[in-house]
Amino acid sequence: MTTDTLPQGDLRLLESDIARNMLNSTELARLAYVAPDGTPRVFPMLFRWNGEEVVFAAFAGTAKLTALRARPDVAITIDVAGPPPQVLLVRGRAEVTYFDGVAPDYAAMQERYFGPEQAAAGLAEIDKPGLRMARIAIRPAWVGTFDFMTRFPGGLSAEEFARRGQ
């Protein structure tokens, strides 16, 4: 199936080369949410894609978790400046699950980003009695991609994008 003609928002865009590249990358994902005071926040985080959800982890007690419980609608971007640029945009609802000790997804992220040796050292440093962590899972409800070569912001064609601002 070709994903070139799918409209922005179509979940089948997760099967596109752009989405696969970003979901398998070790770029930071940026999680956007609304803070308790009603203002927007964007936080860069390690992530992992499990085939159905974009998963993050956080230490219990953070303001981010309080905000996500109150307002679970979020947006995520994973991108590289390029060349060529590649951008994956995801929207969905955050589901927060708490763990006593190191969250398994956090351990997997540490190894994915930093390798087994550095991950083991970092995990040993934080894995102390009383540690509590949270898993933040977002199941995509809307997906967008662009690379400024075949897919452009706003669903524009290459010609329309070239004429922008005129």
Protein backbone atom coordinates (compact mmCIF):
# COMPACT_ATOMS: atom_id res chain seq x y z
CA MET A 1 0.00 0.00 0.00
CA THR A 2 1.28 3.44 -0.86
CA THR A 3 0.88 6.07 1.81
CA ASP A 4 1.73 9.06 -0.42
CA THR A 5 -1.90 9.95 -1.07
CA LEU A 6 -3.31 9.34 2.40
CA PRO A 7 -4.69 12.48 4.05
CA GLN A 8 -3.08 13.87 7.18
CA GLY A 9 -4.77 12.30 10.17
CA ASP A 10 -5.07 8.82 8.64
CA LEU A 11 -3.70 6.18 11.02
CA ARG A 12 -2.35 4.20 8.06
CA LEU A 13 0.37 6.86 7.83
CA LEU A 14 2.05 4.90 10.65
CA GLU A 15 3.00 2.45 7.88
CA SER A 16 4.82 5.15 5.88
CA ASP A 17 8.59 5.26 5.55
CA ILE A 18 8.66 8.60 7.37
CA ALA A 19 6.72 7.26 10.36
CA ARG A 20 8.75 4.05 10.51
CA ASN A 21 12.01 6.00 10.34
CA MET A 22 10.96 8.31 13.16
CA LEU A 23 9.46 5.59 15.36
CA ASN A 24 12.61 3.48 15.03
CA SER A 25 14.97 6.42 15.54
CA THR A 26 16.66 7.55 18.71
CA GLU A 27 15.57 11.12 18.17
CA LEU A 28 13.82 12.63 21.17
CA ALA A 29 10.06 12.81 20.95
CA ARG A 30 8.44 16.03 22.09
CA LEU A 31 5.33 15.54 24.18
CA ALA A 32 2.92 18.48 24.21
CA TYR A 33 0.28 18.74 26.92
CA VAL A 34 -1.65 21.35 28.90
CA ALA A 35 -0.37 22.23 32.38
CA PRO A 36 -2.68 22.70 35.38
CA ASP A 37 -2.56 26.48 34.89
CA GLY A 38 -3.99 26.06 31.37
CA THR A 39 -0.78 26.94 29.52
CA PRO A 40 0.84 24.62 26.97
CA ARG A 41 4.01 22.65 27.68
CA VAL A 42 6.33 20.71 25.39
CA PHE A 43 8.82 18.31 26.90
CA PRO A 44 11.53 16.38 25.01
CA MET A 45 11.64 12.74 26.12
CA LEU A 46 13.06 9.33 25.36
CA PHE A 47 10.34 7.14 23.87
CA ARG A 48 9.65 3.70 22.56
CA TRP A 49 7.16 2.47 19.99
CA ASN A 50 5.67 -0.93 20.79
CA GLY A 51 3.72 -1.27 17.54
CA GLU A 52 0.53 0.18 19.03
CA GLU A 53 1.55 2.97 21.40
CA VAL A 54 4.17 5.65 21.79
CA VAL A 55 5.43 5.06 25.32
CA PHE A 56 7.24 7.44 27.67
CA ALA A 57 8.29 7.06 31.30
CA ALA A 58 8.54 9.56 34.14
CA PHE A 59 9.32 9.62 37.82
CA ALA A 60 6.21 9.69 40.01
CA GLY A 61 5.33 13.03 41.53
CA THR A 62 6.19 15.17 38.50
CA ALA A 63 3.91 18.02 37.47
CA LYS A 64 3.65 16.45 34.01
CA LEU A 65 1.84 13.41 35.42
CA THR A 66 -0.62 15.55 37.34
CA ALA A 67 -1.33 17.50 34.15
CA LEU A 68 -1.78 14.34 32.05
CA ARG A 69 -4.25 12.85 34.49
CA ALA A 70 -6.32 16.06 34.41
CA ARG A 71 -6.08 16.63 30.64
CA PRO A 72 -4.96 13.48 28.81
CA ASP A 73 -5.19 14.85 25.25
CA VAL A 74 -1.65 15.24 23.91
CA ALA A 75 0.36 15.81 20.76
CA ILE A 76 3.75 14.31 19.90
CA THR A 77 6.34 15.20 17.30
CA ILE A 78 9.40 13.19 16.37
CA ASP A 79 11.51 14.85 13.71
CA VAL A 80 14.89 15.39 12.09
CA ALA A 81 15.92 18.60 10.40
CA GLY A 82 17.45 16.65 7.52
CA PRO A 83 18.33 16.87 4.77
CA PRO A 84 15.83 15.70 3.94
CA PRO A 85 13.67 16.70 6.89
CA GLN A 86 11.27 14.11 8.24
CA VAL A 87 8.43 14.85 10.65
CA LEU A 88 5.97 12.54 12.38
CA LEU A 89 3.05 14.11 14.24
CA VAL A 90 0.79 12.06 16.52
CA ARG A 91 -2.24 13.01 18.56
CA GLY A 92 -3.94 10.86 21.16
CA ARG A 93 -4.81 10.45 24.83
CA ALA A 94 -2.24 9.66 27.49
CA GLU A 95 -2.84 6.71 29.76
CA VAL A 96 -0.70 6.77 32.92
CA THR A 97 0.18 3.59 34.83
CA TYR A 98 2.31 3.61 37.99
CA PHE A 99 5.04 1.15 38.98
CA ASP A 100 6.94 0.54 42.17
CA GLY A 101 10.57 0.53 41.09
CA VAL A 102 11.89 1.03 37.58
CA ALA A 103 9.17 0.97 34.93
CA PRO A 104 10.02 -1.80 32.43
CA ASP A 105 9.56 0.58 29.48
CA TYR A 106 12.01 3.03 31.07
CA ALA A 107 14.64 0.28 31.28
CA ALA A 108 14.02 -0.62 27.62
CA MET A 109 14.36 3.05 26.59
CA GLN A 110 17.62 3.45 28.47
CA GLU A 111 19.10 0.45 26.67
CA ARG A 112 17.74 1.54 23.29
CA TYR A 113 19.20 5.04 23.54
CA PHE A 114 22.41 4.42 25.51
CA GLY A 115 23.34 0.75 25.03
CA PRO A 116 23.34 -2.09 27.54
CA GLU A 117 26.35 -1.07 29.63
CA GLN A 118 25.43 2.57 30.15
CA ALA A 119 21.76 1.65 30.69
CA ALA A 120 22.66 -0.88 33.38
CA ALA A 121 24.84 1.65 35.20
CA GLY A 122 22.16 4.35 35.06
CA LEU A 123 19.40 2.00 36.18
CA ALA A 124 21.49 0.71 39.10
CA GLU A 125 21.96 4.30 40.23
CA ILE A 126 18.21 5.04 40.43
CA ASP A 127 16.80 1.62 41.41
CA LYS A 128 16.54 2.26 45.15
CA PRO A 129 13.83 1.34 47.66
CA GLY A 130 10.86 3.69 47.38
CA LEU A 131 11.38 4.50 43.70
CA ARG A 132 8.08 4.98 41.91
CA MET A 133 7.74 5.57 38.18
CA ALA A 134 4.98 6.00 35.64
CA ARG A 135 4.45 4.66 32.16
CA ILE A 136 2.78 7.15 29.80
CA ALA A 137 1.21 5.43 26.78
CA ILE A 138 -0.37 7.22 23.83
CA ARG A 139 -2.33 5.21 21.28
CA PRO A 140 -2.39 7.27 18.07
CA ALA A 141 -5.78 8.74 17.17
CA TRP A 142 -4.41 11.07 14.44
CA VAL A 143 -1.16 10.81 12.45
CA GLY A 144 0.56 13.27 10.15
CA THR A 145 3.83 13.12 8.24
CA PHE A 146 5.82 15.42 6.04
CA ASP A 147 9.24 15.51 4.43
CA PHE A 148 8.98 18.66 2.27
CA MET A 149 9.64 16.51 -0.80
CA THR A 150 6.59 14.27 -1.19
CA ARG A 151 4.41 15.42 1.73
CA PHE A 152 3.98 19.01 2.84
CA PRO A 153 2.40 20.73 5.86
CA GLY A 154 -1.28 21.47 5.52
CA GLY A 155 -1.71 18.76 2.88
CA LEU A 156 -0.41 21.14 0.21
CA SER A 157 1.00 19.93 -3.10
CA ALA A 158 4.63 20.73 -3.97
CA GLU A 159 3.42 23.52 -6.25
CA GLU A 160 1.09 24.99 -3.61
CA PHE A 161 3.85 24.81 -1.01
CA ALA A 162 6.28 26.60 -3.37
CA ARG A 163 3.76 29.45 -3.79
CA ARG A 164 3.07 29.87 -0.07
CA GLY A 165 3.13 33.45 1.11
CA GLN A 166 2.59 34.88 -2.35
